[in-house]
């Protein structure tokens, strides 16, 4: 089950515009096959996207899909830097309900 953590870097003063783009995309991503989690968080400067996919193939289909492409195109001029993206494997130590992103 791949987990993706991405940090998106809006230009100063453009955070809400980038959030608005994601607000349109999130319901569509939630309907994609294999999407178990697609959640946004912010520290009021950056946007953090936390994703979990059933399989690597599901993640690959999402990454090559139209919603992802449309979102990238819409935020292209609103970002100060490319997103930092990590694709991670869980290390389920301790309580299985608390030791991984559910």
C-alpha atoms as a PDB file:
ATOM      1  CA  UNK A   1       0.000   0.000   0.000  1.00  0.00           C
ATOM      2  CA  UNK A   2       1.946   3.071  -1.136  1.00  0.00           C
ATOM      3  CA  UNK A   3       1.650   6.248   0.892  1.00  0.00           C
ATOM      4  CA  UNK A   4       2.461   9.570  -0.740  1.00  0.00           C
ATOM      5  CA  UNK A   5       3.388  12.723   1.118  1.00  0.00           C
ATOM      6  CA  UNK A   6       3.731  15.828  -1.029  1.00  0.00           C
ATOM      7  CA  UNK A   7       4.552  19.387  -0.051  1.00  0.00           C
ATOM      8  CA  UNK A   8       3.192  21.978  -2.467  1.00  0.00           C
ATOM      9  CA  UNK A   9       4.805  25.440  -2.423  1.00  0.00           C
ATOM     10  CA  UNK A  10       2.363  28.226  -3.373  1.00  0.00           C
ATOM     11  CA  UNK A  11       3.779  31.629  -4.244  1.00  0.00           C
ATOM     12  CA  UNK A  12       3.398  34.060  -1.337  1.00  0.00           C
ATOM     13  CA  UNK A  13      -0.187  35.283  -1.265  1.00  0.00           C
ATOM     14  CA  UNK A  14      -1.438  32.508  -3.585  1.00  0.00           C
ATOM     15  CA  UNK A  15      -2.231  29.803  -0.992  1.00  0.00           C
ATOM     16  CA  UNK A  16      -6.008  30.162  -1.311  1.00  0.00           C
ATOM     17  CA  UNK A  17      -5.871  30.020  -5.102  1.00  0.00           C
ATOM     18  CA  UNK A  18      -3.944  26.743  -4.958  1.00  0.00           C
ATOM     19  CA  UNK A  19      -6.333  25.378  -2.323  1.00  0.00           C
ATOM     20  CA  UNK A  20      -9.259  26.274  -4.590  1.00  0.00           C
ATOM     21  CA  UNK A  21      -7.720  24.211  -7.402  1.00  0.00           C
ATOM     22  CA  UNK A  22      -7.288  21.251  -5.074  1.00  0.00           C
ATOM     23  CA  UNK A  23     -10.816  21.664  -3.715  1.00  0.00           C
ATOM     24  CA  UNK A  24     -12.107  20.965  -7.237  1.00  0.00           C
ATOM     25  CA  UNK A  25      -9.825  17.958  -7.693  1.00  0.00           C
ATOM     26  CA  UNK A  26     -10.221  16.165  -4.349  1.00  0.00           C
ATOM     27  CA  UNK A  27     -13.753  14.780  -4.929  1.00  0.00           C
ATOM     28  CA  UNK A  28     -12.628  13.415  -8.303  1.00  0.00           C
ATOM     29  CA  UNK A  29      -9.519  11.801  -6.839  1.00  0.00           C
ATOM     30  CA  UNK A  30     -11.623  10.225  -4.090  1.00  0.00           C
ATOM     31  CA  UNK A  31     -13.580   8.401  -6.823  1.00  0.00           C
ATOM     32  CA  UNK A  32     -10.479   6.976  -8.513  1.00  0.00           C
ATOM     33  CA  UNK A  33      -9.905   3.227  -8.194  1.00  0.00           C
ATOM     34  CA  UNK A  34      -7.586   2.401  -5.320  1.00  0.00           C
ATOM     35  CA  UNK A  35      -7.778   5.786  -3.610  1.00  0.00           C
ATOM     36  CA  UNK A  36      -7.966   5.015   0.104  1.00  0.00           C
ATOM     37  CA  UNK A  37      -6.907   8.452   1.342  1.00  0.00           C
ATOM     38  CA  UNK A  38      -6.328  11.807  -0.293  1.00  0.00           C
ATOM     39  CA  UNK A  39      -6.199  14.543   2.332  1.00  0.00           C
ATOM     40  CA  UNK A  40      -4.913  18.110   2.375  1.00  0.00           C
ATOM     41  CA  UNK A  41      -3.293  19.920   5.280  1.00  0.00           C
ATOM     42  CA  UNK A  42      -1.656  23.349   5.526  1.00  0.00           C
ATOM     43  CA  UNK A  43       0.648  25.300   7.774  1.00  0.00           C
ATOM     44  CA  UNK A  44      -0.682  28.485   6.103  1.00  0.00           C
ATOM     45  CA  UNK A  45       2.408  28.610   3.859  1.00  0.00           C
ATOM     46  CA  UNK A  46       2.561  25.193   2.190  1.00  0.00           C
ATOM     47  CA  UNK A  47      -0.005  22.540   1.339  1.00  0.00           C
ATOM     48  CA  UNK A  48       0.687  18.975   2.389  1.00  0.00           C
ATOM     49  CA  UNK A  49      -1.048  16.198   0.474  1.00  0.00           C
ATOM     50  CA  UNK A  50      -1.286  12.816   2.199  1.00  0.00           C
ATOM     51  CA  UNK A  51      -2.354   9.926  -0.025  1.00  0.00           C
ATOM     52  CA  UNK A  52      -2.737   6.184   0.348  1.00  0.00           C
ATOM     53  CA  UNK A  53      -3.368   3.885  -2.609  1.00  0.00           C
ATOM     54  CA  UNK A  54      -4.304   0.213  -2.616  1.00  0.00           C
ATOM     55  CA  UNK A  55      -1.543  -0.715  -5.076  1.00  0.00           C
ATOM     56  CA  UNK A  56       1.418   0.832  -6.859  1.00  0.00           C
ATOM     57  CA  UNK A  57      -0.553   0.404 -10.085  1.00  0.00           C
ATOM     58  CA  UNK A  58      -3.454   2.467  -8.690  1.00  0.00           C
ATOM     59  CA  UNK A  59      -0.995   5.240  -7.831  1.00  0.00           C
ATOM     60  CA  UNK A  60       0.559   5.038 -11.303  1.00  0.00           C
ATOM     61  CA  UNK A  61      -2.870   5.299 -12.966  1.00  0.00           C
ATOM     62  CA  UNK A  62      -3.715   8.312 -10.793  1.00  0.00           C
ATOM     63  CA  UNK A  63      -0.388   9.978 -11.580  1.00  0.00           C
ATOM     64  CA  UNK A  64      -0.945   9.529 -15.323  1.00  0.00           C
ATOM     65  CA  UNK A  65      -4.632  10.424 -15.185  1.00  0.00           C
ATOM     66  CA  UNK A  66      -6.583  13.474 -16.304  1.00  0.00           C
ATOM     67  CA  UNK A  67      -7.377  14.853 -12.839  1.00  0.00           C
ATOM     68  CA  UNK A  68      -3.703  14.893 -11.858  1.00  0.00           C
ATOM     69  CA  UNK A  69      -2.733  16.497 -15.188  1.00  0.00           C
ATOM     70  CA  UNK A  70      -5.460  19.133 -14.951  1.00  0.00           C
ATOM     71  CA  UNK A  71      -4.507  19.994 -11.361  1.00  0.00           C
ATOM     72  CA  UNK A  72      -0.817  20.341 -12.244  1.00  0.00           C
ATOM     73  CA  UNK A  73      -1.664  22.595 -15.176  1.00  0.00           C
ATOM     74  CA  UNK A  74      -3.940  24.841 -13.101  1.00  0.00           C
ATOM     75  CA  UNK A  75      -1.393  25.368 -10.304  1.00  0.00           C
ATOM     76  CA  UNK A  76       1.657  25.701 -12.575  1.00  0.00           C
ATOM     77  CA  UNK A  77       1.786  29.509 -12.433  1.00  0.00           C
ATOM     78  CA  UNK A  78       0.836  29.662  -8.763  1.00  0.00           C
ATOM     79  CA  UNK A  79       3.818  27.790  -7.290  1.00  0.00           C
ATOM     80  CA  UNK A  80       7.194  29.093  -6.140  1.00  0.00           C
ATOM     81  CA  UNK A  81       8.910  25.713  -6.579  1.00  0.00           C
ATOM     82  CA  UNK A  82       8.127  22.174  -7.709  1.00  0.00           C
ATOM     83  CA  UNK A  83       6.379  20.002  -5.144  1.00  0.00           C
ATOM     84  CA  UNK A  84       8.473  17.809  -2.891  1.00  0.00           C
ATOM     85  CA  UNK A  85       7.062  14.285  -3.202  1.00  0.00           C
ATOM     86  CA  UNK A  86       7.852  11.167  -1.220  1.00  0.00           C
ATOM     87  CA  UNK A  87       6.385   7.735  -2.024  1.00  0.00           C
ATOM     88  CA  UNK A  88       6.724   5.653   1.112  1.00  0.00           C
ATOM     89  CA  UNK A  89       6.190   2.149   2.414  1.00  0.00           C
ATOM     90  CA  UNK A  90       4.660   1.857   5.886  1.00  0.00           C
ATOM     91  CA  UNK A  91       6.632   0.405   8.764  1.00  0.00           C
ATOM     92  CA  UNK A  92       3.840  -0.969  10.966  1.00  0.00           C
ATOM     93  CA  UNK A  93       5.513  -0.875  14.381  1.00  0.00           C
ATOM     94  CA  UNK A  94       3.463  -0.923  17.559  1.00  0.00           C
ATOM     95  CA  UNK A  95      -0.314  -0.739  17.527  1.00  0.00           C
ATOM     96  CA  UNK A  96      -1.453  -1.584  13.975  1.00  0.00           C
ATOM     97  CA  UNK A  97      -4.182   1.087  14.170  1.00  0.00           C
ATOM     98  CA  UNK A  98      -1.782   3.797  15.310  1.00  0.00           C
ATOM     99  CA  UNK A  99       1.435   2.766  13.598  1.00  0.00           C
ATOM    100  CA  UNK A 100       0.436   3.495   9.985  1.00  0.00           C
ATOM    101  CA  UNK A 101      -1.602   6.061   8.094  1.00  0.00           C
ATOM    102  CA  UNK A 102      -5.040   4.497   7.935  1.00  0.00           C
END
